Amino acid sequence: MKSIAVYCGALHGASPIFDESARAMARALVEHNIALVYGGGNVGLMGVIADEVLRLGGEVSGVIPRQLVDRELAHSGLTRLFVVKDMHERKAMMSELSDGYIALPGGMGTLEELFEMLTWSQLGIHAKPVGALNVNGFYDGLVSFIAHQHAHGFVRPQHAQLLIVEDQPDALIARMRGA
């Protein structure tokens, strides 16, 4: 695994633990010699993880739609910054550049990107691992809801297992490498 797309919030969240989790994920990526691919912003958890990977000497590729360059304050110090036409191009390029996907805590956009990668996996569009860093139980409700969907016959057993969930970055990377 040479690169991982990380989806995360353009906000910091209500607790300092979220910023620390982004820094911990950055450290794990650099220690495992995995490049970061992310949304290209300089704000919230996106800015935290990008800054930390860069500070530690890692490689960072950002992909940001033209319309969000000013709103998300495009990061100007990245290894590479790709400015694309729209969100569809952003997600497609991030997928092309990545060998796997990880969701850190975030909002609606983070969930949308996470579920698109899970759906693409379910449909056979890609066979890359998809993970979630379950910081302080952040994704417990989501894990329960996926089990609920499965229990009610809307998610097949093999698809209910697609999301790899761990609460520590190194454990998540190890499981994703083994997937």
N, C-alpha and C. Protein backbone atom coordinates (compact mmCIF):
# COMPACT_ATOMS: atom_id res chain seq x y z
N MET A 1 0.86 -1.17 0.00
CA MET A 1 0.00 0.00 0.00
C MET A 1 0.90 1.24 0.00
N LYS A 2 0.81 2.00 -1.09
CA LYS A 2 1.68 3.17 -1.25
C LYS A 2 1.00 4.48 -0.90
N SER A 3 -0.33 4.52 -1.02
CA SER A 3 -1.06 5.75 -0.73
C SER A 3 -2.46 5.43 -0.21
N ILE A 4 -2.95 6.29 0.68
CA ILE A 4 -4.29 6.13 1.23
C ILE A 4 -5.00 7.47 1.15
N ALA A 5 -6.24 7.44 0.68
CA ALA A 5 -7.09 8.62 0.71
C ALA A 5 -7.71 8.70 2.10
N VAL A 6 -7.58 9.85 2.72
CA VAL A 6 -8.18 10.07 4.03
C VAL A 6 -9.27 11.11 3.89
N TYR A 7 -10.46 10.74 4.33
CA TYR A 7 -11.61 11.64 4.35
C TYR A 7 -11.79 12.10 5.79
N CYS A 8 -11.94 13.40 5.99
CA CYS A 8 -12.11 13.91 7.35
C CYS A 8 -12.71 15.31 7.31
N GLY A 9 -13.01 15.83 8.48
CA GLY A 9 -13.72 17.08 8.60
C GLY A 9 -12.93 18.31 8.20
N ALA A 10 -13.67 19.29 7.67
CA ALA A 10 -13.12 20.62 7.41
C ALA A 10 -13.26 21.47 8.67
N LEU A 11 -13.75 20.85 9.75
CA LEU A 11 -13.82 21.47 11.08
C LEU A 11 -12.96 20.63 12.02
N HIS A 12 -12.70 21.16 13.20
CA HIS A 12 -11.86 20.45 14.18
C HIS A 12 -12.65 19.53 15.08
N GLY A 13 -13.96 19.72 15.18
CA GLY A 13 -14.75 18.93 16.11
C GLY A 13 -14.75 19.55 17.50
N ALA A 14 -15.53 18.99 18.39
CA ALA A 14 -15.76 19.57 19.71
C ALA A 14 -14.71 19.19 20.75
N SER A 15 -13.80 18.30 20.40
CA SER A 15 -12.80 17.84 21.37
C SER A 15 -11.41 17.85 20.75
N PRO A 16 -10.40 18.19 21.54
CA PRO A 16 -9.02 18.16 21.03
C PRO A 16 -8.56 16.76 20.61
N ILE A 17 -9.28 15.72 21.05
CA ILE A 17 -8.90 14.35 20.69
C ILE A 17 -8.99 14.14 19.17
N PHE A 18 -9.84 14.89 18.50
CA PHE A 18 -9.97 14.72 17.05
C PHE A 18 -8.73 15.23 16.32
N ASP A 19 -8.21 16.39 16.73
CA ASP A 19 -6.96 16.88 16.14
C ASP A 19 -5.82 15.90 16.43
N GLU A 20 -5.78 15.39 17.65
CA GLU A 20 -4.71 14.45 18.00
C GLU A 20 -4.82 13.17 17.19
N SER A 21 -6.05 12.72 16.92
CA SER A 21 -6.21 11.51 16.11
C SER A 21 -5.73 11.74 14.68
N ALA A 22 -5.93 12.94 14.16
CA ALA A 22 -5.44 13.26 12.81
C ALA A 22 -3.91 13.26 12.80
N ARG A 23 -3.30 13.81 13.84
CA ARG A 23 -1.83 13.79 13.93
C ARG A 23 -1.32 12.35 14.09
N ALA A 24 -2.02 11.53 14.87
CA ALA A 24 -1.62 10.13 15.05
C ALA A 24 -1.72 9.37 13.73
N MET A 25 -2.76 9.61 12.96
CA MET A 25 -2.89 8.96 11.66
C MET A 25 -1.76 9.42 10.74
N ALA A 26 -1.44 10.70 10.79
CA ALA A 26 -0.33 11.22 9.97
C ALA A 26 0.97 10.50 10.33
N ARG A 27 1.23 10.35 11.62
CA ARG A 27 2.46 9.66 12.05
C ARG A 27 2.49 8.22 11.54
N ALA A 28 1.36 7.54 11.65
CA ALA A 28 1.28 6.14 11.18
C ALA A 28 1.52 6.06 9.68
N LEU A 29 0.94 6.96 8.92
CA LEU A 29 1.15 6.95 7.47
C LEU A 29 2.62 7.12 7.14
N VAL A 30 3.26 8.10 7.77
CA VAL A 30 4.68 8.35 7.49
C VAL A 30 5.54 7.17 7.94
N GLU A 31 5.27 6.63 9.12
CA GLU A 31 6.03 5.48 9.62
C GLU A 31 5.92 4.27 8.71
N HIS A 32 4.76 4.11 8.06
CA HIS A 32 4.54 2.98 7.15
C HIS A 32 4.87 3.35 5.70
N ASN A 33 5.44 4.53 5.50
CA ASN A 33 5.82 5.00 4.16
C ASN A 33 4.64 5.00 3.20
N ILE A 34 3.51 5.52 3.68
CA ILE A 34 2.28 5.62 2.89
C ILE A 34 1.99 7.09 2.65
N ALA A 35 1.82 7.46 1.40
CA ALA A 35 1.50 8.84 1.04
C ALA A 35 0.04 9.15 1.37
N LEU A 36 -0.21 10.39 1.76
CA LEU A 36 -1.56 10.87 2.04
C LEU A 36 -2.17 11.48 0.78
N VAL A 37 -3.39 11.07 0.47
CA VAL A 37 -4.21 11.72 -0.54
C VAL A 37 -5.43 12.23 0.21
N TYR A 38 -5.76 13.50 0.02
CA TYR A 38 -6.89 14.06 0.77
C TYR A 38 -7.50 15.21 -0.02
N GLY A 39 -8.49 15.86 0.55
CA GLY A 39 -9.27 16.86 -0.15
C GLY A 39 -8.63 18.20 -0.43
N GLY A 40 -7.38 18.39 -0.04
CA GLY A 40 -6.64 19.58 -0.43
C GLY A 40 -6.85 20.82 0.42
N GLY A 41 -7.67 20.75 1.45
CA GLY A 41 -7.95 21.92 2.27
C GLY A 41 -6.91 22.16 3.35
N ASN A 42 -6.92 23.39 3.85
CA ASN A 42 -5.99 23.82 4.89
C ASN A 42 -6.75 24.12 6.19
N VAL A 43 -7.94 23.55 6.34
CA VAL A 43 -8.78 23.84 7.49
C VAL A 43 -9.18 22.55 8.19
N GLY A 44 -9.56 22.65 9.45
CA GLY A 44 -10.07 21.52 10.21
C GLY A 44 -9.10 20.36 10.27
N LEU A 45 -9.66 19.15 10.38
CA LEU A 45 -8.82 17.95 10.45
C LEU A 45 -8.04 17.75 9.16
N MET A 46 -8.60 18.23 8.03
CA MET A 46 -7.86 18.13 6.77
C MET A 46 -6.52 18.85 6.87
N GLY A 47 -6.54 20.06 7.38
CA GLY A 47 -5.30 20.82 7.54
C GLY A 47 -4.36 20.19 8.54
N VAL A 48 -4.92 19.67 9.63
CA VAL A 48 -4.09 19.05 10.68
C VAL A 48 -3.32 17.85 10.12
N ILE A 49 -4.02 16.93 9.44
CA ILE A 49 -3.33 15.73 8.95
C ILE A 49 -2.32 16.08 7.87
N ALA A 50 -2.68 16.99 6.97
CA ALA A 50 -1.74 17.37 5.91
C ALA A 50 -0.49 18.03 6.49
N ASP A 51 -0.69 18.96 7.41
CA ASP A 51 0.45 19.65 8.02
C ASP A 51 1.37 18.68 8.74
N GLU A 52 0.78 17.71 9.45
CA GLU A 52 1.60 16.77 10.22
C GLU A 52 2.37 15.82 9.30
N VAL A 53 1.73 15.32 8.24
CA VAL A 53 2.45 14.46 7.30
C VAL A 53 3.62 15.24 6.69
N LEU A 54 3.37 16.47 6.29
CA LEU A 54 4.44 17.29 5.71
C LEU A 54 5.55 17.55 6.72
N ARG A 55 5.18 17.89 7.96
CA ARG A 55 6.16 18.17 9.02
C ARG A 55 7.07 16.96 9.24
N LEU A 56 6.50 15.77 9.11
CA LEU A 56 7.25 14.53 9.34
C LEU A 56 8.00 14.06 8.09
N GLY A 57 7.91 14.80 7.00
CA GLY A 57 8.64 14.45 5.79
C GLY A 57 7.91 13.55 4.84
N GLY A 58 6.60 13.36 5.03
CA GLY A 58 5.82 12.51 4.15
C GLY A 58 5.33 13.25 2.92
N GLU A 59 4.69 12.49 2.05
CA GLU A 59 4.18 13.01 0.79
C GLU A 59 2.67 13.23 0.90
N VAL A 60 2.21 14.39 0.39
CA VAL A 60 0.79 14.73 0.46
C VAL A 60 0.30 15.23 -0.89
N SER A 61 -0.74 14.58 -1.39
CA SER A 61 -1.43 15.03 -2.60
C SER A 61 -2.81 15.49 -2.22
N GLY A 62 -3.15 16.72 -2.57
CA GLY A 62 -4.47 17.26 -2.33
C GLY A 62 -5.23 17.36 -3.63
N VAL A 63 -6.55 17.11 -3.57
CA VAL A 63 -7.42 17.22 -4.74
C VAL A 63 -8.61 18.07 -4.32
N ILE A 64 -8.76 19.24 -4.94
CA ILE A 64 -9.80 20.17 -4.53
C ILE A 64 -10.51 20.75 -5.74
N PRO A 65 -11.85 20.81 -5.68
CA PRO A 65 -12.59 21.44 -6.78
C PRO A 65 -12.35 22.95 -6.80
N ARG A 66 -12.36 23.51 -7.98
CA ARG A 66 -12.15 24.95 -8.15
C ARG A 66 -13.04 25.76 -7.23
N GLN A 67 -14.33 25.38 -7.12
CA GLN A 67 -15.27 26.15 -6.30
C GLN A 67 -14.96 26.12 -4.81
N LEU A 68 -14.13 25.16 -4.37
CA LEU A 68 -13.78 25.08 -2.94
C LEU A 68 -12.39 25.62 -2.63
N VAL A 69 -11.68 26.06 -3.61
CA VAL A 69 -10.32 26.55 -3.37
C VAL A 69 -10.33 27.65 -2.32
N ASP A 70 -11.26 28.60 -2.43
CA ASP A 70 -11.32 29.68 -1.45
C ASP A 70 -12.07 29.27 -0.19
N ARG A 71 -13.18 28.52 -0.33
CA ARG A 71 -13.98 28.14 0.83
C ARG A 71 -13.22 27.22 1.78
N GLU A 72 -12.51 26.23 1.25
CA GLU A 72 -11.76 25.31 2.10
C GLU A 72 -10.31 25.76 2.23
N LEU A 73 -10.00 26.92 1.70
CA LEU A 73 -8.65 27.47 1.79
C LEU A 73 -7.62 26.43 1.35
N ALA A 74 -7.52 26.25 0.06
CA ALA A 74 -6.61 25.25 -0.50
C ALA A 74 -5.23 25.37 0.12
N HIS A 75 -4.68 24.26 0.50
CA HIS A 75 -3.36 24.19 1.14
C HIS A 75 -2.30 24.49 0.08
N SER A 76 -1.46 25.46 0.37
CA SER A 76 -0.47 25.88 -0.63
C SER A 76 0.88 25.19 -0.48
N GLY A 77 1.07 24.39 0.55
CA GLY A 77 2.38 23.80 0.80
C GLY A 77 2.48 22.31 0.56
N LEU A 78 1.58 21.75 -0.23
CA LEU A 78 1.54 20.31 -0.44
C LEU A 78 2.59 19.83 -1.43
N THR A 79 2.86 18.54 -1.40
CA THR A 79 3.73 17.93 -2.40
C THR A 79 3.13 18.15 -3.79
N ARG A 80 1.81 17.91 -3.90
CA ARG A 80 1.07 18.14 -5.14
C ARG A 80 -0.34 18.61 -4.78
N LEU A 81 -0.83 19.60 -5.51
CA LEU A 81 -2.21 20.03 -5.37
C LEU A 81 -2.86 20.00 -6.74
N PHE A 82 -3.94 19.23 -6.85
CA PHE A 82 -4.69 19.14 -8.09
C PHE A 82 -5.98 19.93 -7.92
N VAL A 83 -6.21 20.90 -8.77
CA VAL A 83 -7.46 21.66 -8.77
C VAL A 83 -8.30 21.10 -9.91
N VAL A 84 -9.47 20.56 -9.56
CA VAL A 84 -10.32 19.88 -10.53
C VAL A 84 -11.64 20.64 -10.70
N LYS A 85 -12.42 20.21 -11.69
CA LYS A 85 -13.66 20.90 -12.06
C LYS A 85 -14.73 20.84 -10.96
N ASP A 86 -14.97 19.65 -10.39
CA ASP A 86 -16.08 19.50 -9.46
C ASP A 86 -15.83 18.33 -8.51
N MET A 87 -16.81 18.08 -7.63
CA MET A 87 -16.67 17.02 -6.63
C MET A 87 -16.57 15.64 -7.28
N HIS A 88 -17.23 15.43 -8.39
CA HIS A 88 -17.15 14.13 -9.06
C HIS A 88 -15.71 13.86 -9.52
N GLU A 89 -15.08 14.87 -10.11
CA GLU A 89 -13.68 14.70 -10.53
C GLU A 89 -12.78 14.52 -9.31
N ARG A 90 -13.07 15.23 -8.22
CA ARG A 90 -12.27 15.11 -7.00
C ARG A 90 -12.28 13.67 -6.51
N LYS A 91 -13.47 13.10 -6.36
CA LYS A 91 -13.58 11.74 -5.82
C LYS A 91 -12.95 10.72 -6.76
N ALA A 92 -13.15 10.90 -8.06
CA ALA A 92 -12.56 9.97 -9.02
C ALA A 92 -11.03 10.04 -8.97
N MET A 93 -10.47 11.24 -8.93
CA MET A 93 -9.01 11.38 -8.89
C MET A 93 -8.44 10.85 -7.58
N MET A 94 -9.11 11.14 -6.46
CA MET A 94 -8.64 10.62 -5.18
C MET A 94 -8.63 9.10 -5.19
N SER A 95 -9.63 8.51 -5.80
CA SER A 95 -9.68 7.06 -5.90
C SER A 95 -8.54 6.52 -6.75
N GLU A 96 -8.30 7.16 -7.88
CA GLU A 96 -7.22 6.74 -8.77
C GLU A 96 -5.86 6.83 -8.10
N LEU A 97 -5.66 7.83 -7.26
CA LEU A 97 -4.37 8.05 -6.63
C LEU A 97 -4.14 7.17 -5.39
N SER A 98 -5.16 6.45 -4.96
CA SER A 98 -5.11 5.76 -3.66
C SER A 98 -5.20 4.25 -3.77
N ASP A 99 -4.57 3.59 -2.81
CA ASP A 99 -4.61 2.13 -2.69
C ASP A 99 -5.60 1.68 -1.61
N GLY A 100 -6.21 2.63 -0.93
CA GLY A 100 -7.18 2.35 0.13
C GLY A 100 -7.76 3.66 0.62
N TYR A 101 -8.75 3.55 1.51
CA TYR A 101 -9.50 4.72 1.97
C TYR A 101 -9.71 4.63 3.47
N ILE A 102 -9.55 5.77 4.16
CA ILE A 102 -9.80 5.83 5.60
C ILE A 102 -10.64 7.06 5.90
N ALA A 103 -11.67 6.88 6.73
CA ALA A 103 -12.45 8.00 7.24
C ALA A 103 -12.03 8.27 8.67
N LEU A 104 -11.62 9.51 8.92
CA LEU A 104 -11.46 10.02 10.27
C LEU A 104 -12.80 10.67 10.64
N PRO A 105 -12.94 11.16 11.86
CA PRO A 105 -14.17 11.87 12.18
C PRO A 105 -14.41 13.03 11.22
N GLY A 106 -15.66 13.28 10.93
CA GLY A 106 -16.03 14.37 10.04
C GLY A 106 -17.54 14.46 9.94
N GLY A 107 -17.98 15.30 9.03
CA GLY A 107 -19.40 15.56 8.87
C GLY A 107 -20.02 14.83 7.70
N MET A 108 -21.00 15.46 7.10
CA MET A 108 -21.75 14.85 6.01
C MET A 108 -20.87 14.51 4.81
N GLY A 109 -19.95 15.40 4.46
CA GLY A 109 -19.07 15.14 3.33
C GLY A 109 -18.19 13.92 3.55
N THR A 110 -17.70 13.77 4.76
CA THR A 110 -16.88 12.61 5.10
C THR A 110 -17.68 11.33 4.94
N LEU A 111 -18.90 11.33 5.45
CA LEU A 111 -19.76 10.14 5.32
C LEU A 111 -20.10 9.85 3.87
N GLU A 112 -20.37 10.90 3.10
CA GLU A 112 -20.71 10.71 1.69
C GLU A 112 -19.55 10.06 0.95
N GLU A 113 -18.34 10.54 1.19
CA GLU A 113 -17.16 9.96 0.52
C GLU A 113 -16.91 8.53 0.99
N LEU A 114 -17.05 8.29 2.29
CA LEU A 114 -16.88 6.94 2.83
C LEU A 114 -17.88 5.98 2.20
N PHE A 115 -19.15 6.37 2.16
CA PHE A 115 -20.16 5.48 1.61
C PHE A 115 -20.02 5.29 0.11
N GLU A 116 -19.53 6.29 -0.59
CA GLU A 116 -19.30 6.08 -2.02
C GLU A 116 -18.24 5.01 -2.22
N MET A 117 -17.16 5.04 -1.46
CA MET A 117 -16.12 4.02 -1.61
C MET A 117 -16.62 2.65 -1.19
N LEU A 118 -17.45 2.57 -0.14
CA LEU A 118 -18.05 1.30 0.25
C LEU A 118 -18.97 0.78 -0.86
N THR A 119 -19.75 1.66 -1.45
CA THR A 119 -20.65 1.27 -2.53
C THR A 119 -19.87 0.80 -3.75
N TRP A 120 -18.81 1.54 -4.10
CA TRP A 120 -17.98 1.13 -5.24
C TRP A 120 -17.37 -0.25 -4.99
N SER A 121 -16.97 -0.51 -3.75
CA SER A 121 -16.43 -1.82 -3.41
C SER A 121 -17.52 -2.89 -3.56
N GLN A 122 -18.70 -2.61 -3.04
CA GLN A 122 -19.83 -3.54 -3.13
C GLN A 122 -20.16 -3.86 -4.57
N LEU A 123 -20.05 -2.86 -5.45
CA LEU A 123 -20.38 -3.04 -6.87
C LEU A 123 -19.24 -3.61 -7.70
N GLY A 124 -18.07 -3.78 -7.07
CA GLY A 124 -16.91 -4.32 -7.79
C GLY A 124 -16.17 -3.30 -8.62
N ILE A 125 -16.41 -2.02 -8.39
CA ILE A 125 -15.71 -0.96 -9.12
C ILE A 125 -14.25 -0.88 -8.66
N HIS A 126 -14.01 -1.18 -7.39
CA HIS A 126 -12.65 -1.30 -6.88
C HIS A 126 -12.62 -2.43 -5.86
N ALA A 127 -11.39 -2.89 -5.56
CA ALA A 127 -11.20 -3.94 -4.55
C ALA A 127 -10.22 -3.47 -3.49
N LYS A 128 -10.28 -2.17 -3.17
CA LYS A 128 -9.37 -1.57 -2.20
C LYS A 128 -10.02 -1.56 -0.82
N PRO A 129 -9.20 -1.67 0.24
CA PRO A 129 -9.77 -1.66 1.59
C PRO A 129 -10.31 -0.29 1.98
N VAL A 130 -11.39 -0.33 2.77
CA VAL A 130 -12.04 0.89 3.25
C VAL A 130 -12.09 0.80 4.78
N GLY A 131 -11.56 1.81 5.44
CA GLY A 131 -11.50 1.78 6.90
C GLY A 131 -12.04 3.04 7.55
N ALA A 132 -12.29 2.92 8.84
CA ALA A 132 -12.71 4.06 9.66
C ALA A 132 -11.91 4.05 10.94
N LEU A 133 -11.33 5.19 11.29
CA LEU A 133 -10.64 5.32 12.57
C LEU A 133 -11.69 5.73 13.60
N ASN A 134 -12.01 4.83 14.48
CA ASN A 134 -13.10 4.99 15.44
C ASN A 134 -12.62 5.72 16.69
N VAL A 135 -12.35 7.00 16.53
CA VAL A 135 -11.82 7.84 17.61
C VAL A 135 -12.88 8.03 18.69
N ASN A 136 -12.58 7.54 19.88
CA ASN A 136 -13.47 7.74 21.03
C ASN A 136 -14.89 7.27 20.74
N GLY A 137 -15.01 6.20 19.95
CA GLY A 137 -16.32 5.64 19.63
C GLY A 137 -17.10 6.44 18.59
N PHE A 138 -16.44 7.34 17.88
CA PHE A 138 -17.11 8.21 16.92
C PHE A 138 -17.97 7.43 15.93
N TYR A 139 -17.49 6.29 15.46
CA TYR A 139 -18.21 5.52 14.44
C TYR A 139 -19.02 4.35 15.01
N ASP A 140 -19.18 4.27 16.32
CA ASP A 140 -19.96 3.17 16.91
C ASP A 140 -21.39 3.12 16.36
N GLY A 141 -22.03 4.27 16.26
CA GLY A 141 -23.40 4.32 15.76
C GLY A 141 -23.49 3.86 14.31
N LEU A 142 -22.49 4.22 13.52
CA LEU A 142 -22.46 3.81 12.11
C LEU A 142 -22.29 2.30 11.99
N VAL A 143 -21.39 1.75 12.78
CA VAL A 143 -21.18 0.30 12.78
C VAL A 143 -22.47 -0.42 13.17
N SER A 144 -23.15 0.11 14.18
CA SER A 144 -24.43 -0.48 14.61
C SER A 144 -25.48 -0.36 13.51
N PHE A 145 -25.50 0.76 12.82
CA PHE A 145 -26.49 0.95 11.76
C PHE A 145 -26.25 0.01 10.59
N ILE A 146 -24.99 -0.23 10.23
CA ILE A 146 -24.70 -1.19 9.17
C ILE A 146 -25.16 -2.58 9.58
N ALA A 147 -24.95 -2.95 10.85
CA ALA A 147 -25.45 -4.24 11.35
C ALA A 147 -26.99 -4.27 11.30
N HIS A 148 -27.61 -3.14 11.61
CA HIS A 148 -29.07 -3.02 11.54
C HIS A 148 -29.56 -3.20 10.10
N GLN A 149 -28.88 -2.59 9.14
CA GLN A 149 -29.23 -2.77 7.73
C GLN A 149 -29.12 -4.24 7.32
N HIS A 150 -28.05 -4.88 7.77
CA HIS A 150 -27.85 -6.30 7.48
C HIS A 150 -28.96 -7.15 8.11
N ALA A 151 -29.27 -6.88 9.36
CA ALA A 151 -30.30 -7.65 10.07
C ALA A 151 -31.66 -7.54 9.38
N HIS A 152 -31.90 -6.43 8.71
CA HIS A 152 -33.18 -6.22 8.04
C HIS A 152 -33.14 -6.59 6.56
N GLY A 153 -32.04 -7.22 6.14
CA GLY A 153 -31.98 -7.76 4.79
C GLY A 153 -31.64 -6.77 3.69
N PHE A 154 -31.06 -5.62 4.04
CA PHE A 154 -30.70 -4.63 3.02
C PHE A 154 -29.21 -4.60 2.69
N VAL A 155 -28.42 -5.30 3.48
CA VAL A 155 -26.97 -5.39 3.23
C VAL A 155 -26.59 -6.85 3.35
N ARG A 156 -25.97 -7.37 2.30
CA ARG A 156 -25.53 -8.78 2.31
C ARG A 156 -24.41 -8.96 3.34
N PRO A 157 -24.26 -10.19 3.86
CA PRO A 157 -23.24 -10.44 4.89
C PRO A 157 -21.84 -9.98 4.47
N GLN A 158 -21.42 -10.30 3.25
CA GLN A 158 -20.08 -9.93 2.81
C GLN A 158 -19.90 -8.41 2.70
N HIS A 159 -20.99 -7.71 2.41
CA HIS A 159 -20.90 -6.26 2.30
C HIS A 159 -20.94 -5.58 3.67
N ALA A 160 -21.58 -6.23 4.63
CA ALA A 160 -21.61 -5.70 5.99
C ALA A 160 -20.22 -5.72 6.62
N GLN A 161 -19.33 -6.54 6.05
CA GLN A 161 -17.97 -6.66 6.58
C GLN A 161 -16.95 -5.79 5.83
N LEU A 162 -17.39 -5.01 4.85
CA LEU A 162 -16.46 -4.23 4.04
C LEU A 162 -15.74 -3.14 4.83
N LEU A 163 -16.42 -2.51 5.77
CA LEU A 163 -15.81 -1.42 6.53
C LEU A 163 -14.93 -1.99 7.64
N ILE A 164 -13.64 -1.66 7.57
CA ILE A 164 -12.66 -2.10 8.57
C ILE A 164 -12.59 -1.00 9.62
N VAL A 165 -12.89 -1.33 10.87
CA VAL A 165 -12.96 -0.33 11.93
C VAL A 165 -11.97 -0.67 13.02
N GLU A 166 -11.14 0.30 13.36
CA GLU A 166 -10.18 0.19 14.47
C GLU A 166 -10.09 1.53 15.17
N ASP A 167 -9.64 1.51 16.42
CA ASP A 167 -9.50 2.77 17.14
C ASP A 167 -8.06 3.29 17.20
N GLN A 168 -7.12 2.55 16.62
CA GLN A 168 -5.73 2.98 16.58
C GLN A 168 -5.23 2.95 15.13
N PRO A 169 -4.53 4.01 14.70
CA PRO A 169 -4.07 4.08 13.31
C PRO A 169 -3.22 2.89 12.85
N ASP A 170 -2.26 2.45 13.65
CA ASP A 170 -1.40 1.32 13.25
C ASP A 170 -2.21 0.04 13.05
N ALA A 171 -3.16 -0.21 13.95
CA ALA A 171 -4.01 -1.40 13.83
C ALA A 171 -4.88 -1.32 12.58
N LEU A 172 -5.38 -0.13 12.28
CA LEU A 172 -6.22 0.05 11.08
C LEU A 172 -5.40 -0.20 9.82
N ILE A 173 -4.21 0.37 9.75
CA ILE A 173 -3.34 0.16 8.58
C ILE A 173 -2.98 -1.32 8.43
N ALA A 174 -2.66 -1.98 9.54
CA ALA A 174 -2.30 -3.41 9.49
C ALA A 174 -3.46 -4.24 8.93
N ARG A 175 -4.67 -3.98 9.42
CA ARG A 175 -5.84 -4.72 8.92
C ARG A 175 -6.12 -4.44 7.46
N MET A 176 -5.93 -3.18 7.06
CA MET A 176 -6.17 -2.82 5.67
C MET A 176 -5.15 -3.47 4.75
N ARG A 177 -3.92 -3.57 5.21
CA ARG A 177 -2.89 -4.25 4.41
C ARG A 177 -3.20 -5.72 4.25
N GLY A 178 -3.84 -6.32 5.26
CA GLY A 178 -4.18 -7.73 5.21
C GLY A 178 -5.47 -8.03 4.48
N ALA A 179 -6.23 -6.99 4.13
CA ALA A 179 -7.53 -7.19 3.50
C ALA A 179 -7.39 -7.58 2.03
